[in-house]
C-alpha atoms as a PDB file:
ATOM      1  CA  MET A   1      36.755  79.064  -1.728  1.00  0.00           C
ATOM      2  CA  ASN A   2      39.876  78.176  -3.299  1.00  0.00           C
ATOM      3  CA  PHE A   3      38.471  74.375  -3.580  1.00  0.00           C
ATOM      4  CA  LYS A   4      35.865  76.044  -5.795  1.00  0.00           C
ATOM      5  CA  ILE A   5      37.267  77.892  -7.952  1.00  0.00           C
ATOM      6  CA  ILE A   6      39.543  75.532  -9.069  1.00  0.00           C
ATOM      7  CA  ASN A   7      36.587  73.131  -9.660  1.00  0.00           C
ATOM      8  CA  TYR A   8      34.953  75.724 -11.797  1.00  0.00           C
ATOM      9  CA  PHE A   9      37.689  76.151 -14.058  1.00  0.00           C
ATOM     10  CA  LYS A  10      38.469  72.619 -14.162  1.00  0.00           C
ATOM     11  CA  SER A  11      34.652  72.470 -15.584  1.00  0.00           C
ATOM     12  CA  ILE A  12      35.488  75.267 -18.320  1.00  0.00           C
ATOM     13  CA  ALA A  13      38.561  73.396 -19.312  1.00  0.00           C
ATOM     14  CA  VAL A  14      36.406  70.030 -19.943  1.00  0.00           C
ATOM     15  CA  VAL A  15      33.605  71.672 -21.955  1.00  0.00           C
ATOM     16  CA  TYR A  16      36.340  73.676 -23.882  1.00  0.00           C
ATOM     17  CA  ALA A  17      37.951  70.713 -24.572  1.00  0.00           C
ATOM     18  CA  THR A  18      35.159  68.440 -25.555  1.00  0.00           C
ATOM     19  CA  ALA A  19      33.797  71.686 -28.081  1.00  0.00           C
ATOM     20  CA  MET A  20      37.551  71.320 -29.763  1.00  0.00           C
ATOM     21  CA  LEU A  21      36.993  67.900 -30.281  1.00  0.00           C
ATOM     22  CA  PHE A  22      33.876  67.862 -31.452  1.00  0.00           C
ATOM     23  CA  PHE A  23      34.474  70.750 -34.042  1.00  0.00           C
ATOM     24  CA  SER A  24      37.420  69.156 -34.620  1.00  0.00           C
ATOM     25  CA  CYS A  25      36.213  65.568 -35.637  1.00  0.00           C
ATOM     26  CA  ALA A  26      33.519  67.620 -37.659  1.00  0.00           C
ATOM     27  CA  ASP A  27      36.140  69.857 -39.890  1.00  0.00           C
ATOM     28  CA  GLU A  28      37.680  66.223 -40.159  1.00  0.00           C
ATOM     29  CA  TYR A  29      34.335  65.116 -41.578  1.00  0.00           C
ATOM     30  CA  ASN A  30      33.833  67.725 -43.908  1.00  0.00           C
ATOM     31  CA  LYS A  31      37.035  67.379 -45.541  1.00  0.00           C
ATOM     32  CA  THR A  32      36.748  63.523 -46.267  1.00  0.00           C
ATOM     33  CA  GLY A  33      33.622  64.223 -47.571  1.00  0.00           C
ATOM     34  CA  GLU A  34      34.867  67.378 -49.926  1.00  0.00           C
ATOM     35  CA  GLU A  35      37.726  64.510 -51.081  1.00  0.00           C
ATOM     36  CA  LEU A  36      35.496  61.846 -51.855  1.00  0.00           C
ATOM     37  CA  LYS A  37      33.135  64.476 -54.059  1.00  0.00           C
ATOM     38  CA  LYS A  38      36.610  65.243 -55.674  1.00  0.00           C
ATOM     39  CA  GLN A  39      37.459  61.966 -56.385  1.00  0.00           C
ATOM     40  CA  LEU A  40      34.524  61.490 -58.933  1.00  0.00           C
ATOM     41  CA  TYR A  41      36.218  61.852 -62.256  1.00  0.00           C
ATOM     42  CA  PRO A  42      35.044  60.510 -65.452  1.00  0.00           C
ATOM     43  CA  GLN A  43      37.961  57.947 -66.964  1.00  0.00           C
ATOM     44  CA  TRP A  44      36.948  60.023 -70.270  1.00  0.00           C
ATOM     45  CA  ILE A  45      34.432  62.475 -72.117  1.00  0.00           C
ATOM     46  CA  ALA A  46      33.776  62.374 -75.518  1.00  0.00           C
ATOM     47  CA  GLU A  47      32.346  65.106 -77.656  1.00  0.00           C
ATOM     48  CA  ASN A  48      29.713  64.322 -80.460  1.00  0.00           C
ATOM     49  CA  TYR A  49      29.316  60.957 -79.003  1.00  0.00           C
ATOM     50  CA  LYS A  50      27.470  58.100 -80.887  1.00  0.00           C
ATOM     51  CA  LEU A  51      26.891  54.959 -80.198  1.00  0.00           C
ATOM     52  CA  VAL A  52      25.236  52.422 -82.683  1.00  0.00           C
ATOM     53  CA  TYR A  53      23.250  48.850 -81.552  1.00  0.00           C
ATOM     54  CA  THR A  54      22.543  46.423 -84.081  1.00  0.00           C
ATOM     55  CA  GLU A  55      21.214  42.893 -84.508  1.00  0.00           C
ATOM     56  CA  THR A  56      22.250  39.979 -86.713  1.00  0.00           C
ATOM     57  CA  PRO A  57      18.848  38.499 -87.652  1.00  0.00           C
ATOM     58  CA  GLU A  58      20.857  34.745 -87.406  1.00  0.00           C
ATOM     59  CA  ILE A  59      23.292  33.298 -85.468  1.00  0.00           C
ATOM     60  CA  LEU A  60      27.208  33.244 -87.325  1.00  0.00           C
ATOM     61  CA  SER A  61      30.156  30.721 -86.941  1.00  0.00           C
ATOM     62  CA  THR A  62      33.390  33.094 -86.147  1.00  0.00           C
ATOM     63  CA  GLU A  63      34.301  32.780 -90.187  1.00  0.00           C
ATOM     64  CA  GLU A  64      31.158  33.726 -91.666  1.00  0.00           C
ATOM     65  CA  ILE A  65      30.074  37.051 -92.711  1.00  0.00           C
ATOM     66  CA  GLY A  66      26.487  37.996 -92.216  1.00  0.00           C
ATOM     67  CA  SER A  67      24.490  41.705 -92.548  1.00  0.00           C
ATOM     68  CA  SER A  68      23.028  43.293 -89.101  1.00  0.00           C
ATOM     69  CA  LYS A  69      19.778  45.155 -88.719  1.00  0.00           C
ATOM     70  CA  LYS A  70      20.417  48.761 -86.935  1.00  0.00           C
ATOM     71  CA  MET A  71      18.056  49.339 -83.898  1.00  0.00           C
ATOM     72  CA  VAL A  72      19.329  51.772 -81.927  1.00  0.00           C
ATOM     73  CA  VAL A  73      21.534  55.250 -82.398  1.00  0.00           C
ATOM     74  CA  LEU A  74      22.099  57.228 -79.167  1.00  0.00           C
ATOM     75  CA  THR A  75      23.821  60.433 -79.921  1.00  0.00           C
ATOM     76  CA  GLY A  76      24.845  63.360 -77.567  1.00  0.00           C
ATOM     77  CA  ALA A  77      26.840  66.576 -77.751  1.00  0.00           C
ATOM     78  CA  ILE A  78      29.073  65.498 -74.924  1.00  0.00           C
ATOM     79  CA  SER A  79      29.146  62.159 -72.939  1.00  0.00           C
ATOM     80  CA  GLU A  80      30.918  61.417 -69.697  1.00  0.00           C
ATOM     81  CA  ASN A  81      31.555  58.216 -68.634  1.00  0.00           C
ATOM     82  CA  PHE A  82      32.029  56.734 -65.120  1.00  0.00           C
ATOM     83  CA  GLU A  83      32.370  53.254 -65.902  1.00  0.00           C
ATOM     84  CA  ASN A  84      35.398  52.757 -64.061  1.00  0.00           C
ATOM     85  CA  LEU A  85      33.369  52.924 -60.241  1.00  0.00           C
ATOM     86  CA  ALA A  86      31.432  50.100 -58.418  1.00  0.00           C
ATOM     87  CA  PHE A  87      28.256  51.231 -59.917  1.00  0.00           C
ATOM     88  CA  PRO A  88      29.229  52.203 -63.350  1.00  0.00           C
ATOM     89  CA  TYR A  89      27.242  55.089 -65.469  1.00  0.00           C
ATOM     90  CA  ILE A  90      27.871  57.310 -68.691  1.00  0.00           C
ATOM     91  CA  THR A  91      26.343  60.491 -68.014  1.00  0.00           C
ATOM     92  CA  PHE A  92      25.101  62.709 -71.158  1.00  0.00           C
ATOM     93  CA  PRO A  93      24.731  66.491 -69.518  1.00  0.00           C
ATOM     94  CA  LYS A  94      24.278  68.731 -72.433  1.00  0.00           C
ATOM     95  CA  GLY A  95      21.254  65.868 -73.531  1.00  0.00           C
ATOM     96  CA  LEU A  96      21.118  63.088 -75.997  1.00  0.00           C
ATOM     97  CA  LYS A  97      18.934  61.996 -78.706  1.00  0.00           C
ATOM     98  CA  ILE A  98      17.841  58.382 -79.014  1.00  0.00           C
ATOM     99  CA  ASP A  99      16.761  57.041 -82.605  1.00  0.00           C
ATOM    100  CA  PHE A 100      14.775  53.709 -82.696  1.00  0.00           C
ATOM    101  CA  PHE A 101      14.126  51.179 -85.939  1.00  0.00           C
ATOM    102  CA  ASP A 102      11.241  48.735 -85.805  1.00  0.00           C
ATOM    103  CA  LYS A 103      11.487  45.781 -87.838  1.00  0.00           C
ATOM    104  CA  GLU A 104      10.353  47.278 -91.239  1.00  0.00           C
ATOM    105  CA  GLY A 105      13.220  50.457 -90.424  1.00  0.00           C
ATOM    106  CA  ASN A 106      10.626  53.076 -89.493  1.00  0.00           C
ATOM    107  CA  LYS A 107      12.673  55.180 -86.986  1.00  0.00           C
ATOM    108  CA  SER A 108      11.116  56.815 -83.589  1.00  0.00           C
ATOM    109  CA  VAL A 109      12.866  59.651 -82.066  1.00  0.00           C
ATOM    110  CA  ILE A 110      13.344  60.264 -77.973  1.00  0.00           C
ATOM    111  CA  LEU A 111      15.152  63.577 -76.773  1.00  0.00           C
ATOM    112  CA  ALA A 112      16.024  64.653 -73.732  1.00  0.00           C
ATOM    113  CA  ASP A 113      17.872  67.321 -72.239  1.00  0.00           C
ATOM    114  CA  TYR A 114      19.813  65.110 -69.934  1.00  0.00           C
ATOM    115  CA  GLY A 115      20.640  60.905 -69.367  1.00  0.00           C
ATOM    116  CA  ILE A 116      22.814  58.546 -67.987  1.00  0.00           C
ATOM    117  CA  ILE A 117      23.125  55.002 -68.662  1.00  0.00           C
ATOM    118  CA  TYR A 118      23.710  52.791 -65.834  1.00  0.00           C
ATOM    119  CA  SER A 119      26.046  50.204 -68.072  1.00  0.00           C
ATOM    120  CA  GLY A 120      25.476  47.219 -65.265  1.00  0.00           C
ATOM    121  CA  THR A 121      21.283  47.224 -65.603  1.00  0.00           C
ATOM    122  CA  ASP A 122      20.795  48.082 -69.117  1.00  0.00           C
ATOM    123  CA  ILE A 123      18.661  50.692 -68.020  1.00  0.00           C
ATOM    124  CA  ILE A 124      18.509  54.449 -69.439  1.00  0.00           C
ATOM    125  CA  ASP A 125      17.390  57.236 -67.338  1.00  0.00           C
ATOM    126  CA  LEU A 126      16.058  60.410 -69.616  1.00  0.00           C
ATOM    127  CA  GLN A 127      15.586  63.860 -68.169  1.00  0.00           C
ATOM    128  CA  GLY A 128      14.230  67.181 -68.605  1.00  0.00           C
ATOM    129  CA  ASN A 129      11.985  67.473 -71.228  1.00  0.00           C
ATOM    130  CA  VAL A 130      11.536  64.224 -72.493  1.00  0.00           C
ATOM    131  CA  ILE A 131       9.879  64.079 -76.099  1.00  0.00           C
ATOM    132  CA  ILE A 132       8.996  60.781 -78.097  1.00  0.00           C
ATOM    133  CA  GLU A 133       8.320  61.584 -81.520  1.00  0.00           C
ATOM    134  CA  MET A 134       6.922  58.125 -82.862  1.00  0.00           C
ATOM    135  CA  GLN A 135       6.948  56.596 -86.402  1.00  0.00           C
ATOM    136  CA  ASP A 136       3.215  56.722 -87.054  1.00  0.00           C
ATOM    137  CA  GLY A 137       3.120  60.213 -86.014  1.00  0.00           C
ATOM    138  CA  LYS A 138       2.211  59.771 -81.834  1.00  0.00           C
ATOM    139  CA  LYS A 139       3.659  62.204 -79.848  1.00  0.00           C
ATOM    140  CA  LEU A 140       4.704  61.952 -76.234  1.00  0.00           C
ATOM    141  CA  GLU A 141       6.012  64.294 -73.225  1.00  0.00           C
ATOM    142  CA  THR A 142       7.008  63.493 -70.014  1.00  0.00           C
ATOM    143  CA  PRO A 143       9.406  65.493 -67.601  1.00  0.00           C
ATOM    144  CA  GLN A 144      11.138  61.888 -66.652  1.00  0.00           C
ATOM    145  CA  LEU A 145      11.459  58.654 -68.899  1.00  0.00           C
ATOM    146  CA  TYR A 146      12.907  55.097 -68.458  1.00  0.00           C
ATOM    147  CA  TYR A 147      14.559  52.742 -71.245  1.00  0.00           C
ATOM    148  CA  ASP A 148      14.928  49.082 -70.264  1.00  0.00           C
ATOM    149  CA  GLN A 149      17.471  47.864 -73.095  1.00  0.00           C
ATOM    150  CA  GLY A 150      17.513  44.582 -71.885  1.00  0.00           C
ATOM    151  CA  ASN A 151      13.538  43.902 -72.089  1.00  0.00           C
ATOM    152  CA  GLU A 152      12.942  46.534 -74.527  1.00  0.00           C
ATOM    153  CA  TRP A 153      10.340  48.465 -72.601  1.00  0.00           C
ATOM    154  CA  ILE A 154      10.096  52.124 -71.560  1.00  0.00           C
ATOM    155  CA  PHE A 155       8.126  53.682 -68.784  1.00  0.00           C
ATOM    156  CA  THR A 156       7.558  56.252 -66.925  1.00  0.00           C
ATOM    157  CA  GLN A 157       5.908  57.318 -63.619  1.00  0.00           C
ATOM    158  CA  GLU A 158       5.562  60.976 -64.070  1.00  0.00           C
ATOM    159  CA  LYS A 159       2.582  63.170 -65.593  1.00  0.00           C
ATOM    160  CA  PHE A 160       2.337  62.770 -69.465  1.00  0.00           C
ATOM    161  CA  LYS A 161       0.762  64.662 -72.460  1.00  0.00           C
ATOM    162  CA  PHE A 162       0.179  62.051 -75.403  1.00  0.00           C
ATOM    163  CA  SER A 163      -1.056  63.424 -78.429  1.00  0.00           C
ATOM    164  CA  ASP A 164      -1.936  61.685 -82.108  1.00  0.00           C
ATOM    165  CA  GLU A 165      -2.205  64.094 -85.105  1.00  0.00           C
ATOM    166  CA  LYS A 166      -3.532  61.600 -87.102  1.00  0.00           C
ATOM    167  CA  ASP A 167      -6.947  60.759 -84.832  1.00  0.00           C
ATOM    168  CA  GLY A 168      -6.831  64.231 -83.472  1.00  0.00           C
ATOM    169  CA  THR A 169      -6.421  62.313 -79.571  1.00  0.00           C
ATOM    170  CA  LEU A 170      -4.693  64.482 -76.617  1.00  0.00           C
ATOM    171  CA  ILE A 171      -4.604  62.789 -73.002  1.00  0.00           C
ATOM    172  CA  TYR A 172      -3.123  64.085 -69.987  1.00  0.00           C
ATOM    173  CA  GLY A 173      -2.034  61.440 -67.213  1.00  0.00           C
ATOM    174  CA  LYS A 174       0.395  60.327 -65.274  1.00  0.00           C
ATOM    175  CA  GLY A 175       2.466  56.768 -65.352  1.00  0.00           C
ATOM    176  CA  MET A 176       2.774  54.996 -68.720  1.00  0.00           C
ATOM    177  CA  ASP A 177       4.529  51.868 -70.117  1.00  0.00           C
ATOM    178  CA  PHE A 178       4.787  50.767 -73.882  1.00  0.00           C
ATOM    179  CA  ASN A 179       7.212  48.126 -76.099  1.00  0.00           C
ATOM    180  CA  LYS A 180       9.868  49.531 -78.158  1.00  0.00           C
ATOM    181  CA  ASP A 181       7.903  49.315 -80.999  1.00  0.00           C
ATOM    182  CA  PHE A 182       4.868  51.211 -79.390  1.00  0.00           C
ATOM    183  CA  THR A 183       2.437  48.463 -79.953  1.00  0.00           C
ATOM    184  CA  ILE A 184       1.609  47.890 -76.581  1.00  0.00           C
ATOM    185  CA  THR A 185       0.726  50.566 -74.546  1.00  0.00           C
ATOM    186  CA  THR A 186      -0.374  51.042 -70.956  1.00  0.00           C
ATOM    187  CA  ALA A 187      -1.577  54.350 -69.272  1.00  0.00           C
ATOM    188  CA  HIS A 188      -1.600  53.889 -65.752  1.00  0.00           C
ATOM    189  CA  LYS A 189      -3.951  57.091 -65.001  1.00  0.00           C
ATOM    190  CA  THR A 190      -5.736  59.118 -67.358  1.00  0.00           C
ATOM    191  CA  GLY A 191      -7.132  62.667 -67.137  1.00  0.00           C
ATOM    192  CA  ASP A 192      -8.404  65.467 -68.895  1.00  0.00           C
ATOM    193  CA  GLY A 193      -8.491  65.073 -72.556  1.00  0.00           C
ATOM    194  CA  TYR A 194      -9.830  64.889 -76.247  1.00  0.00           C
ATOM    195  CA  LYS A 195     -10.860  63.647 -79.215  1.00  0.00           C
ATOM    196  CA  ILE A 196     -11.849  65.395 -82.331  1.00  0.00           C
ATOM    197  CA  ILE A 197     -14.346  63.014 -84.153  1.00  0.00           C
ATOM    198  CA  LYS A 198     -14.856  64.094 -87.950  1.00  0.00           C
ATOM    199  CA  ASP A 199     -18.348  63.772 -89.679  1.00  0.00           C
ATOM    200  CA  GLU A 200     -18.200  61.402 -92.620  1.00  0.00           C
ATOM    201  CA  ILE A 201     -19.414  63.102 -95.613  1.00  0.00           C
ATOM    202  CA  ASP A 202     -21.714  60.869 -98.240  1.00  0.00           C
ATOM    203  CA  GLU A 203     -20.321  61.693-101.585  1.00  0.00           C
END
């Protein structure tokens, strides 16, 4: 009888020790996770951030002075720089605006509630109420949009609304990509929409 009682208490002790070890490891894991999150501080924060991309029409020597053309202007109320990390990026937690200029200097505008620039890949991820107002009056609205700076290509896999006031076109669809000058556009899938056809009146 005493032998059974001793074994019973030994079993309880083993179960208790195992449980304590498990909860101790889980607690350490949680603390480690929290500590890792706390280490993600930006190396700097800027207010009224402005970044200008320019292009020089011809290759210059080190002593020559030439004119450069403004191609893209990126602005945001606040910018947080995480380029000190292994996968560097810059965030715009309060939204951003991107002005694009074509070869003739005509401006198109992109607005978004939130943005990330991935420095290593030259990809800009725009999120939340993304609106593109093109220089010719066309307008694109979508919840998320990507801009590939290296290839000067813009694309989305999300639902979009595309309108053109000049010809009275309104198109709904999902997935679209186009070049920076908006001269090449491809809609992956289109749905409802309409086009206003105006009657020509002979005078």
